[in-house]
């Protein structure tokens, strides 16, 4: 499997579900700017964000660098 950066996995998961960034943020219950920063790799999700990514997008928290 390719070594895809964690933030690219978030973007791919969103696009595969045909969601806008705004819709993805609402689904994950985070601010849209927060979501955009995750997807750009500028900020790391906190524990709640990691759990939401796992539950809604199937992204393992183990793939995201530690805080």
PDB file of N, CA and C in Angstrom:
ATOM      1  N   UNK A   1       0.839  -1.182   0.000  1.00  0.00           N
ATOM      2  CA  UNK A   1       0.000   0.000   0.000  1.00  0.00           C
ATOM      3  C   UNK A   1       0.882   1.243   0.000  1.00  0.00           C
ATOM      4  N   UNK A   2       0.443   2.250  -0.718  1.00  0.00           N
ATOM      5  CA  UNK A   2       1.204   3.489  -0.787  1.00  0.00           C
ATOM      6  C   UNK A   2       1.268   4.164   0.576  1.00  0.00           C
ATOM      7  N   UNK A   3       2.334   4.902   0.777  1.00  0.00           N
ATOM      8  CA  UNK A   3       2.474   5.668   2.002  1.00  0.00           C
ATOM      9  C   UNK A   3       1.813   7.032   1.790  1.00  0.00           C
ATOM     10  N   UNK A   4       0.506   7.079   1.980  1.00  0.00           N
ATOM     11  CA  UNK A   4      -0.269   8.296   1.763  1.00  0.00           C
ATOM     12  C   UNK A   4      -0.283   9.093   3.065  1.00  0.00           C
ATOM     13  N   UNK A   5       0.023  10.389   3.019  1.00  0.00           N
ATOM     14  CA  UNK A   5      -0.023  11.193   4.241  1.00  0.00           C
ATOM     15  C   UNK A   5      -1.430  11.156   4.874  1.00  0.00           C
ATOM     16  N   UNK A   6      -1.468  11.241   6.185  1.00  0.00           N
ATOM     17  CA  UNK A   6      -2.738  11.145   6.898  1.00  0.00           C
ATOM     18  C   UNK A   6      -3.747  12.167   6.408  1.00  0.00           C
ATOM     19  N   UNK A   7      -3.304  13.380   6.099  1.00  0.00           N
ATOM     20  CA  UNK A   7      -4.250  14.422   5.679  1.00  0.00           C
ATOM     21  C   UNK A   7      -4.795  14.154   4.280  1.00  0.00           C
ATOM     22  N   UNK A   8      -4.031  13.462   3.446  1.00  0.00           N
ATOM     23  CA  UNK A   8      -4.539  13.073   2.120  1.00  0.00           C
ATOM     24  C   UNK A   8      -5.603  11.985   2.266  1.00  0.00           C
ATOM     25  N   UNK A   9      -5.444  11.123   3.254  1.00  0.00           N
ATOM     26  CA  UNK A   9      -6.456  10.094   3.510  1.00  0.00           C
ATOM     27  C   UNK A   9      -7.785  10.737   3.893  1.00  0.00           C
ATOM     28  N   UNK A  10      -7.712  11.816   4.679  1.00  0.00           N
ATOM     29  CA  UNK A  10      -8.931  12.520   5.064  1.00  0.00           C
ATOM     30  C   UNK A  10      -9.613  13.081   3.819  1.00  0.00           C
ATOM     31  N   UNK A  11      -8.836  13.714   2.958  1.00  0.00           N
ATOM     32  CA  UNK A  11      -9.397  14.294   1.735  1.00  0.00           C
ATOM     33  C   UNK A  11      -9.994  13.207   0.843  1.00  0.00           C
ATOM     34  N   UNK A  12      -9.275  12.102   0.672  1.00  0.00           N
ATOM     35  CA  UNK A  12      -9.778  11.009  -0.160  1.00  0.00           C
ATOM     36  C   UNK A  12     -11.081  10.433   0.403  1.00  0.00           C
ATOM     37  N   UNK A  13     -11.149  10.303   1.722  1.00  0.00           N
ATOM     38  CA  UNK A  13     -12.362   9.783   2.355  1.00  0.00           C
ATOM     39  C   UNK A  13     -13.530  10.731   2.114  1.00  0.00           C
ATOM     40  N   UNK A  14     -13.284  12.016   2.221  1.00  0.00           N
ATOM     41  CA  UNK A  14     -14.345  13.008   1.985  1.00  0.00           C
ATOM     42  C   UNK A  14     -14.819  12.948   0.537  1.00  0.00           C
ATOM     43  N   UNK A  15     -13.871  12.945  -0.392  1.00  0.00           N
ATOM     44  CA  UNK A  15     -14.227  12.945  -1.808  1.00  0.00           C
ATOM     45  C   UNK A  15     -14.939  11.655  -2.212  1.00  0.00           C
ATOM     46  N   UNK A  16     -14.542  10.531  -1.638  1.00  0.00           N
ATOM     47  CA  UNK A  16     -15.195   9.261  -1.979  1.00  0.00           C
ATOM     48  C   UNK A  16     -16.645   9.235  -1.520  1.00  0.00           C
ATOM     49  N   UNK A  17     -16.982  10.084  -0.561  1.00  0.00           N
ATOM     50  CA  UNK A  17     -18.356  10.186  -0.065  1.00  0.00           C
ATOM     51  C   UNK A  17     -19.097  11.362  -0.698  1.00  0.00           C
ATOM     52  N   UNK A  18     -18.434  12.018  -1.663  1.00  0.00           N
ATOM     53  CA  UNK A  18     -19.017  13.168  -2.382  1.00  0.00           C
ATOM     54  C   UNK A  18     -19.469  14.273  -1.418  1.00  0.00           C
ATOM     55  N   UNK A  19     -18.621  14.553  -0.431  1.00  0.00           N
ATOM     56  CA  UNK A  19     -18.929  15.591   0.551  1.00  0.00           C
ATOM     57  C   UNK A  19     -18.088  16.830   0.280  1.00  0.00           C
ATOM     58  N   UNK A  20     -18.669  17.980   0.525  1.00  0.00           N
ATOM     59  CA  UNK A  20     -17.891  19.218   0.531  1.00  0.00           C
ATOM     60  C   UNK A  20     -17.144  19.288   1.852  1.00  0.00           C
ATOM     61  N   UNK A  21     -16.183  20.196   1.942  1.00  0.00           N
ATOM     62  CA  UNK A  21     -15.492  20.375   3.218  1.00  0.00           C
ATOM     63  C   UNK A  21     -16.483  20.834   4.287  1.00  0.00           C
ATOM     64  N   UNK A  22     -17.424  21.662   3.907  1.00  0.00           N
ATOM     65  CA  UNK A  22     -18.429  22.143   4.851  1.00  0.00           C
ATOM     66  C   UNK A  22     -19.284  20.981   5.371  1.00  0.00           C
ATOM     67  N   UNK A  23     -19.707  20.098   4.472  1.00  0.00           N
ATOM     68  CA  UNK A  23     -20.523  18.956   4.877  1.00  0.00           C
ATOM     69  C   UNK A  23     -19.719  17.983   5.739  1.00  0.00           C
ATOM     70  N   UNK A  24     -18.459  17.774   5.389  1.00  0.00           N
ATOM     71  CA  UNK A  24     -17.607  16.885   6.180  1.00  0.00           C
ATOM     72  C   UNK A  24     -17.421  17.445   7.587  1.00  0.00           C
ATOM     73  N   UNK A  25     -17.195  18.747   7.685  1.00  0.00           N
ATOM     74  CA  UNK A  25     -17.029  19.372   9.002  1.00  0.00           C
ATOM     75  C   UNK A  25     -18.293  19.204   9.838  1.00  0.00           C
ATOM     76  N   UNK A  26     -19.439  19.384   9.218  1.00  0.00           N
ATOM     77  CA  UNK A  26     -20.706  19.223   9.941  1.00  0.00           C
ATOM     78  C   UNK A  26     -20.876  17.778  10.398  1.00  0.00           C
ATOM     79  N   UNK A  27     -20.559  16.823   9.533  1.00  0.00           N
ATOM     80  CA  UNK A  27     -20.667  15.410   9.876  1.00  0.00           C
ATOM     81  C   UNK A  27     -19.757  15.067  11.057  1.00  0.00           C
ATOM     82  N   UNK A  28     -18.550  15.618  11.052  1.00  0.00           N
ATOM     83  CA  UNK A  28     -17.577  15.342  12.107  1.00  0.00           C
ATOM     84  C   UNK A  28     -17.767  16.224  13.341  1.00  0.00           C
ATOM     85  N   UNK A  29     -18.702  17.173  13.234  1.00  0.00           N
ATOM     86  CA  UNK A  29     -19.020  18.100  14.327  1.00  0.00           C
ATOM     87  C   UNK A  29     -17.822  18.941  14.738  1.00  0.00           C
ATOM     88  N   UNK A  30     -17.151  19.501  13.707  1.00  0.00           N
ATOM     89  CA  UNK A  30     -16.044  20.431  13.946  1.00  0.00           C
ATOM     90  C   UNK A  30     -16.272  21.671  13.092  1.00  0.00           C
ATOM     91  N   UNK A  31     -15.595  22.746  13.440  1.00  0.00           N
ATOM     92  CA  UNK A  31     -15.657  23.970  12.661  1.00  0.00           C
ATOM     93  C   UNK A  31     -15.071  23.716  11.272  1.00  0.00           C
ATOM     94  N   UNK A  32     -15.625  24.370  10.274  1.00  0.00           N
ATOM     95  CA  UNK A  32     -15.147  24.173   8.908  1.00  0.00           C
ATOM     96  C   UNK A  32     -13.671  24.530   8.762  1.00  0.00           C
ATOM     97  N   UNK A  33     -13.228  25.611   9.404  1.00  0.00           N
ATOM     98  CA  UNK A  33     -11.802  25.996   9.331  1.00  0.00           C
ATOM     99  C   UNK A  33     -10.921  24.929   9.963  1.00  0.00           C
ATOM    100  N   UNK A  34     -11.378  24.347  11.042  1.00  0.00           N
ATOM    101  CA  UNK A  34     -10.628  23.265  11.688  1.00  0.00           C
ATOM    102  C   UNK A  34     -10.474  22.104  10.720  1.00  0.00           C
ATOM    103  N   UNK A  35     -11.581  21.727  10.081  1.00  0.00           N
ATOM    104  CA  UNK A  35     -11.517  20.629   9.121  1.00  0.00           C
ATOM    105  C   UNK A  35     -10.567  20.959   7.977  1.00  0.00           C
ATOM    106  N   UNK A  36     -10.639  22.158   7.463  1.00  0.00           N
ATOM    107  CA  UNK A  36      -9.763  22.565   6.358  1.00  0.00           C
ATOM    108  C   UNK A  36      -8.295  22.466   6.757  1.00  0.00           C
ATOM    109  N   UNK A  37      -7.989  22.836   7.990  1.00  0.00           N
ATOM    110  CA  UNK A  37      -6.606  22.748   8.473  1.00  0.00           C
ATOM    111  C   UNK A  37      -6.148  21.300   8.590  1.00  0.00           C
ATOM    112  N   UNK A  38      -7.051  20.410   9.001  1.00  0.00           N
ATOM    113  CA  UNK A  38      -6.710  18.991   9.040  1.00  0.00           C
ATOM    114  C   UNK A  38      -6.375  18.502   7.645  1.00  0.00           C
ATOM    115  N   UNK A  39      -7.262  18.816   6.705  1.00  0.00           N
ATOM    116  CA  UNK A  39      -7.098  18.312   5.346  1.00  0.00           C
ATOM    117  C   UNK A  39      -5.850  18.884   4.671  1.00  0.00           C
ATOM    118  N   UNK A  40      -5.434  20.057   5.096  1.00  0.00           N
ATOM    119  CA  UNK A  40      -4.216  20.664   4.558  1.00  0.00           C
ATOM    120  C   UNK A  40      -2.966  20.177   5.295  1.00  0.00           C
ATOM    121  N   UNK A  41      -3.162  19.423   6.380  1.00  0.00           N
ATOM    122  CA  UNK A  41      -2.034  18.929   7.159  1.00  0.00           C
ATOM    123  C   UNK A  41      -1.418  19.991   8.053  1.00  0.00           C
ATOM    124  N   UNK A  42      -2.147  21.076   8.301  1.00  0.00           N
ATOM    125  CA  UNK A  42      -1.609  22.179   9.110  1.00  0.00           C
ATOM    126  C   UNK A  42      -1.851  21.987  10.597  1.00  0.00           C
ATOM    127  N   UNK A  43      -2.905  21.262  10.960  1.00  0.00           N
ATOM    128  CA  UNK A  43      -3.230  21.011  12.367  1.00  0.00           C
ATOM    129  C   UNK A  43      -3.541  19.534  12.537  1.00  0.00           C
ATOM    130  N   UNK A  44      -3.264  19.019  13.707  1.00  0.00           N
ATOM    131  CA  UNK A  44      -3.588  17.635  14.034  1.00  0.00           C
ATOM    132  C   UNK A  44      -4.922  17.583  14.771  1.00  0.00           C
ATOM    133  N   UNK A  45      -5.757  16.609  14.451  1.00  0.00           N
ATOM    134  CA  UNK A  45      -7.016  16.467  15.185  1.00  0.00           C
ATOM    135  C   UNK A  45      -6.759  16.079  16.644  1.00  0.00           C
ATOM    136  N   UNK A  46      -7.605  16.593  17.528  1.00  0.00           N
ATOM    137  CA  UNK A  46      -7.528  16.193  18.932  1.00  0.00           C
ATOM    138  C   UNK A  46      -8.164  14.809  19.077  1.00  0.00           C
ATOM    139  N   UNK A  47      -8.289  14.331  20.312  1.00  0.00           N
ATOM    140  CA  UNK A  47      -8.821  12.988  20.544  1.00  0.00           C
ATOM    141  C   UNK A  47     -10.220  12.833  19.967  1.00  0.00           C
ATOM    142  N   UNK A  48     -11.088  13.818  20.212  1.00  0.00           N
ATOM    143  CA  UNK A  48     -12.465  13.740  19.707  1.00  0.00           C
ATOM    144  C   UNK A  48     -12.489  13.752  18.183  1.00  0.00           C
ATOM    145  N   UNK A  49     -11.621  14.545  17.583  1.00  0.00           N
ATOM    146  CA  UNK A  49     -11.544  14.602  16.124  1.00  0.00           C
ATOM    147  C   UNK A  49     -11.061  13.291  15.538  1.00  0.00           C
ATOM    148  N   UNK A  50     -10.095  12.675  16.180  1.00  0.00           N
ATOM    149  CA  UNK A  50      -9.569  11.383  15.722  1.00  0.00           C
ATOM    150  C   UNK A  50     -10.654  10.314  15.806  1.00  0.00           C
ATOM    151  N   UNK A  51     -11.419  10.353  16.893  1.00  0.00           N
ATOM    152  CA  UNK A  51     -12.512   9.392  17.050  1.00  0.00           C
ATOM    153  C   UNK A  51     -13.580   9.608  15.972  1.00  0.00           C
ATOM    154  N   UNK A  52     -13.897  10.867  15.676  1.00  0.00           N
ATOM    155  CA  UNK A  52     -14.886  11.161  14.632  1.00  0.00           C
ATOM    156  C   UNK A  52     -14.389  10.695  13.261  1.00  0.00           C
ATOM    157  N   UNK A  53     -13.100  10.908  12.972  1.00  0.00           N
ATOM    158  CA  UNK A  53     -12.536  10.455  11.703  1.00  0.00           C
ATOM    159  C   UNK A  53     -12.599   8.934  11.598  1.00  0.00           C
ATOM    160  N   UNK A  54     -12.350   8.265  12.696  1.00  0.00           N
ATOM    161  CA  UNK A  54     -12.439   6.798  12.711  1.00  0.00           C
ATOM    162  C   UNK A  54     -13.882   6.348  12.489  1.00  0.00           C
ATOM    163  N   UNK A  55     -14.800   6.943  13.229  1.00  0.00           N
ATOM    164  CA  UNK A  55     -16.197   6.511  13.180  1.00  0.00           C
ATOM    165  C   UNK A  55     -16.869   6.817  11.846  1.00  0.00           C
ATOM    166  N   UNK A  56     -16.569   7.965  11.268  1.00  0.00           N
ATOM    167  CA  UNK A  56     -17.278   8.388  10.058  1.00  0.00           C
ATOM    168  C   UNK A  56     -16.517   8.101   8.769  1.00  0.00           C
ATOM    169  N   UNK A  57     -15.190   8.132   8.819  1.00  0.00           N
ATOM    170  CA  UNK A  57     -14.400   7.962   7.602  1.00  0.00           C
ATOM    171  C   UNK A  57     -13.557   6.686   7.611  1.00  0.00           C
ATOM    172  N   UNK A  58     -13.539   5.975   8.738  1.00  0.00           N
ATOM    173  CA  UNK A  58     -12.769   4.741   8.816  1.00  0.00           C
ATOM    174  C   UNK A  58     -11.260   4.952   8.834  1.00  0.00           C
ATOM    175  N   UNK A  59     -10.823   6.133   9.269  1.00  0.00           N
ATOM    176  CA  UNK A  59      -9.396   6.448   9.324  1.00  0.00           C
ATOM    177  C   UNK A  59      -8.879   6.121  10.722  1.00  0.00           C
ATOM    178  N   UNK A  60      -7.953   5.199  10.781  1.00  0.00           N
ATOM    179  CA  UNK A  60      -7.402   4.794  12.066  1.00  0.00           C
ATOM    180  C   UNK A  60      -6.639   5.939  12.726  1.00  0.00           C
ATOM    181  N   UNK A  61      -6.886   6.180  14.012  1.00  0.00           N
ATOM    182  CA  UNK A  61      -6.118   7.203  14.726  1.00  0.00           C
ATOM    183  C   UNK A  61      -4.610   6.915  14.711  1.00  0.00           C
ATOM    184  N   UNK A  62      -4.233   5.662  14.504  1.00  0.00           N
ATOM    185  CA  UNK A  62      -2.821   5.285  14.467  1.00  0.00           C
ATOM    186  C   UNK A  62      -2.097   5.888  13.252  1.00  0.00           C
ATOM    187  N   UNK A  63      -2.861   6.269  12.222  1.00  0.00           N
ATOM    188  CA  UNK A  63      -2.257   6.846  11.018  1.00  0.00           C
ATOM    189  C   UNK A  63      -1.927   8.335  11.179  1.00  0.00           C
ATOM    190  N   UNK A  64      -2.494   8.945  12.222  1.00  0.00           N
ATOM    191  CA  UNK A  64      -2.299  10.377  12.453  1.00  0.00           C
ATOM    192  C   UNK A  64      -1.169  10.554  13.475  1.00  0.00           C
ATOM    193  N   UNK A  65      -0.221  11.426  13.200  1.00  0.00           N
ATOM    194  CA  UNK A  65       0.888  11.626  14.152  1.00  0.00           C
ATOM    195  C   UNK A  65       0.375  12.008  15.543  1.00  0.00           C
ATOM    196  N   UNK A  66       1.107  11.647  16.572  1.00  0.00           N
ATOM    197  CA  UNK A  66       0.685  11.990  17.939  1.00  0.00           C
ATOM    198  C   UNK A  66       0.692  13.509  18.157  1.00  0.00           C
ATOM    199  N   UNK A  67      -0.131  13.917  19.102  1.00  0.00           N
ATOM    200  CA  UNK A  67      -0.215  15.353  19.445  1.00  0.00           C
ATOM    201  C   UNK A  67       1.016  15.804  20.171  1.00  0.00           C
TER     202      UNK A  67
END
